[in-house]
N, C-alpha and C. Protein backbone atom coordinates (compact mmCIF):
# COMPACT_ATOMS: atom_id res chain seq x y z
N MET A 1 27.31 -12.63 93.47
CA MET A 1 27.77 -12.00 92.26
C MET A 1 28.99 -12.77 91.73
N ARG A 2 29.01 -12.99 90.43
CA ARG A 2 30.14 -13.67 89.80
C ARG A 2 31.32 -12.71 89.68
N GLU A 3 32.47 -13.29 89.39
CA GLU A 3 33.67 -12.49 89.17
C GLU A 3 34.30 -12.88 87.84
N TYR A 4 35.02 -11.95 87.26
CA TYR A 4 35.78 -12.19 86.04
C TYR A 4 37.19 -11.67 86.26
N ARG A 5 38.19 -12.52 85.96
CA ARG A 5 39.59 -12.10 86.09
C ARG A 5 40.08 -11.73 84.69
N THR A 6 40.57 -10.50 84.57
CA THR A 6 40.96 -9.99 83.25
C THR A 6 42.18 -10.70 82.70
N LEU A 7 42.22 -10.73 81.38
CA LEU A 7 43.38 -11.20 80.63
C LEU A 7 44.07 -9.97 80.06
N MET A 8 45.37 -10.04 79.86
CA MET A 8 46.08 -8.89 79.31
C MET A 8 45.48 -8.53 77.95
N GLY A 9 45.15 -7.25 77.79
CA GLY A 9 44.58 -6.77 76.54
C GLY A 9 43.06 -6.73 76.51
N ASP A 10 42.40 -7.24 77.56
CA ASP A 10 40.93 -7.16 77.62
C ASP A 10 40.47 -5.71 77.56
N THR A 11 39.34 -5.49 76.95
CA THR A 11 38.66 -4.19 76.96
C THR A 11 37.26 -4.42 77.48
N TRP A 12 36.58 -3.35 77.87
CA TRP A 12 35.24 -3.48 78.42
C TRP A 12 34.29 -4.22 77.48
N ASP A 13 34.30 -3.84 76.21
CA ASP A 13 33.37 -4.48 75.28
C ASP A 13 33.71 -5.94 75.03
N MET A 14 35.00 -6.28 75.00
CA MET A 14 35.39 -7.69 74.84
C MET A 14 34.92 -8.52 76.02
N ILE A 15 35.07 -7.98 77.22
CA ILE A 15 34.66 -8.70 78.42
C ILE A 15 33.15 -8.91 78.42
N ALA A 16 32.40 -7.86 78.13
CA ALA A 16 30.93 -7.98 78.10
C ALA A 16 30.50 -9.01 77.06
N PHE A 17 31.13 -9.02 75.91
CA PHE A 17 30.79 -9.99 74.87
C PHE A 17 31.06 -11.41 75.34
N ARG A 18 32.18 -11.62 76.04
CA ARG A 18 32.50 -12.96 76.57
C ARG A 18 31.51 -13.39 77.65
N LEU A 19 31.12 -12.45 78.50
CA LEU A 19 30.24 -12.79 79.61
C LEU A 19 28.81 -13.07 79.18
N TRP A 20 28.32 -12.34 78.20
CA TRP A 20 26.91 -12.44 77.79
C TRP A 20 26.75 -12.61 76.28
N PRO A 21 27.35 -13.64 75.68
CA PRO A 21 27.30 -13.77 74.22
C PRO A 21 25.89 -13.92 73.66
N SER A 22 25.01 -14.56 74.40
CA SER A 22 23.64 -14.75 73.89
C SER A 22 22.66 -13.77 74.51
N GLN A 23 23.16 -12.81 75.26
CA GLN A 23 22.30 -11.83 75.93
C GLN A 23 22.67 -10.40 75.54
N GLY A 24 23.11 -10.23 74.34
CA GLY A 24 23.40 -8.88 73.88
C GLY A 24 24.85 -8.47 74.01
N GLY A 25 25.67 -9.27 74.67
CA GLY A 25 27.11 -9.01 74.77
C GLY A 25 27.45 -7.60 75.17
N GLU A 26 28.12 -6.90 74.25
CA GLU A 26 28.63 -5.56 74.55
C GLU A 26 27.52 -4.54 74.80
N LYS A 27 26.29 -4.90 74.48
CA LYS A 27 25.15 -4.01 74.79
C LYS A 27 24.99 -3.83 76.30
N ASN A 28 25.53 -4.76 77.08
CA ASN A 28 25.45 -4.70 78.54
C ASN A 28 26.69 -4.08 79.18
N LEU A 29 27.48 -3.42 78.37
CA LEU A 29 28.71 -2.79 78.81
C LEU A 29 28.51 -1.83 79.98
N THR A 30 27.48 -1.02 79.93
CA THR A 30 27.22 -0.04 80.99
C THR A 30 27.02 -0.71 82.34
N SER A 31 26.28 -1.82 82.36
CA SER A 31 26.05 -2.54 83.62
C SER A 31 27.36 -3.04 84.20
N LEU A 32 28.24 -3.51 83.34
CA LEU A 32 29.54 -4.01 83.79
C LEU A 32 30.40 -2.89 84.37
N ILE A 33 30.45 -1.77 83.68
CA ILE A 33 31.24 -0.63 84.18
C ILE A 33 30.67 -0.10 85.49
N GLU A 34 29.36 0.01 85.59
CA GLU A 34 28.74 0.52 86.82
C GLU A 34 29.03 -0.38 88.01
N ALA A 35 29.17 -1.68 87.78
CA ALA A 35 29.47 -2.62 88.86
C ALA A 35 30.95 -2.57 89.26
N ASN A 36 31.76 -1.87 88.46
CA ASN A 36 33.21 -1.82 88.70
C ASN A 36 33.74 -0.40 88.48
N GLU A 37 33.10 0.57 89.10
CA GLU A 37 33.43 1.98 88.88
C GLU A 37 34.89 2.32 89.18
N GLN A 38 35.51 1.59 90.07
CA GLN A 38 36.91 1.88 90.42
C GLN A 38 37.85 1.63 89.26
N TYR A 39 37.41 0.89 88.24
CA TYR A 39 38.24 0.61 87.06
C TYR A 39 37.72 1.31 85.81
N ALA A 40 36.81 2.23 85.95
CA ALA A 40 36.18 2.88 84.80
C ALA A 40 37.17 3.62 83.90
N ASP A 41 38.30 4.03 84.43
CA ASP A 41 39.30 4.75 83.63
C ASP A 41 40.13 3.83 82.73
N TYR A 42 40.03 2.53 82.95
CA TYR A 42 40.79 1.59 82.12
C TYR A 42 40.19 1.51 80.73
N VAL A 43 41.05 1.49 79.74
CA VAL A 43 40.63 1.25 78.36
C VAL A 43 41.06 -0.16 77.98
N VAL A 44 42.32 -0.47 78.26
CA VAL A 44 42.87 -1.81 78.04
C VAL A 44 43.36 -2.32 79.39
N PHE A 45 42.91 -3.50 79.77
CA PHE A 45 43.24 -4.05 81.09
C PHE A 45 44.54 -4.84 81.09
N PRO A 46 45.26 -4.78 82.21
CA PRO A 46 46.35 -5.73 82.41
C PRO A 46 45.74 -7.06 82.88
N ALA A 47 46.53 -8.07 82.97
CA ALA A 47 46.03 -9.37 83.45
C ALA A 47 45.82 -9.34 84.96
N GLY A 48 44.81 -10.06 85.43
CA GLY A 48 44.64 -10.32 86.85
C GLY A 48 43.72 -9.42 87.65
N ILE A 49 43.09 -8.45 87.04
CA ILE A 49 42.15 -7.60 87.78
C ILE A 49 40.83 -8.37 87.90
N VAL A 50 40.30 -8.41 89.11
CA VAL A 50 39.04 -9.14 89.35
C VAL A 50 37.88 -8.14 89.28
N LEU A 51 36.99 -8.38 88.32
CA LEU A 51 35.81 -7.54 88.13
C LEU A 51 34.57 -8.24 88.64
N ASN A 52 33.66 -7.49 89.21
CA ASN A 52 32.36 -8.02 89.60
C ASN A 52 31.47 -8.09 88.37
N VAL A 53 30.77 -9.20 88.21
CA VAL A 53 29.87 -9.40 87.07
C VAL A 53 28.44 -9.29 87.58
N PRO A 54 27.72 -8.24 87.20
CA PRO A 54 26.35 -8.08 87.69
C PRO A 54 25.40 -9.07 87.01
N GLU A 55 24.34 -9.41 87.72
CA GLU A 55 23.28 -10.21 87.12
C GLU A 55 22.46 -9.26 86.27
N LEU A 56 22.12 -9.69 85.08
CA LEU A 56 21.30 -8.84 84.22
C LEU A 56 19.85 -8.93 84.67
N ASP A 57 19.19 -7.78 84.75
CA ASP A 57 17.79 -7.78 85.18
C ASP A 57 16.89 -8.28 84.04
N ALA A 58 15.66 -8.58 84.36
CA ALA A 58 14.71 -9.13 83.38
C ALA A 58 14.48 -8.17 82.22
N TRP A 59 14.47 -6.86 82.49
CA TRP A 59 14.24 -5.90 81.41
C TRP A 59 15.37 -5.99 80.38
N THR A 60 16.60 -6.04 80.85
CA THR A 60 17.75 -6.12 79.95
C THR A 60 17.70 -7.40 79.14
N GLN A 61 17.39 -8.51 79.79
CA GLN A 61 17.35 -9.79 79.09
C GLN A 61 16.21 -9.84 78.09
N ASN A 62 15.08 -9.23 78.39
CA ASN A 62 13.94 -9.27 77.49
C ASN A 62 14.03 -8.26 76.36
N SER A 63 14.97 -7.35 76.43
CA SER A 63 15.09 -6.34 75.38
C SER A 63 15.95 -6.83 74.20
N ILE A 64 16.42 -8.06 74.29
CA ILE A 64 17.24 -8.62 73.23
C ILE A 64 16.32 -9.16 72.13
N PRO A 65 16.61 -8.88 70.89
CA PRO A 65 15.77 -9.38 69.81
C PRO A 65 15.71 -10.91 69.82
N PRO A 66 14.61 -11.49 69.43
CA PRO A 66 14.46 -12.96 69.48
C PRO A 66 15.56 -13.71 68.76
N TRP A 67 16.06 -13.18 67.64
CA TRP A 67 17.09 -13.91 66.89
C TRP A 67 18.43 -13.90 67.60
N ARG A 68 18.58 -13.08 68.66
CA ARG A 68 19.82 -13.03 69.43
C ARG A 68 19.74 -13.83 70.71
N ARG A 69 18.56 -14.33 71.05
CA ARG A 69 18.40 -15.09 72.32
C ARG A 69 18.91 -16.48 72.19
């Protein structure tokens, strides 16, 4: 599993967009939060928190419209 180290001011949707820009970005927000439940209460992150980045399953990747792939 990959990791992402937060930057000051990061939010869940910003992180998801950075991690998966061509795979739906913030649409995968739920997967990111579920992989990091201990930080689910954060709205705005401080710098330096290490988050686990889940691999997107085939269903999630295939549900993206062709013009977004």
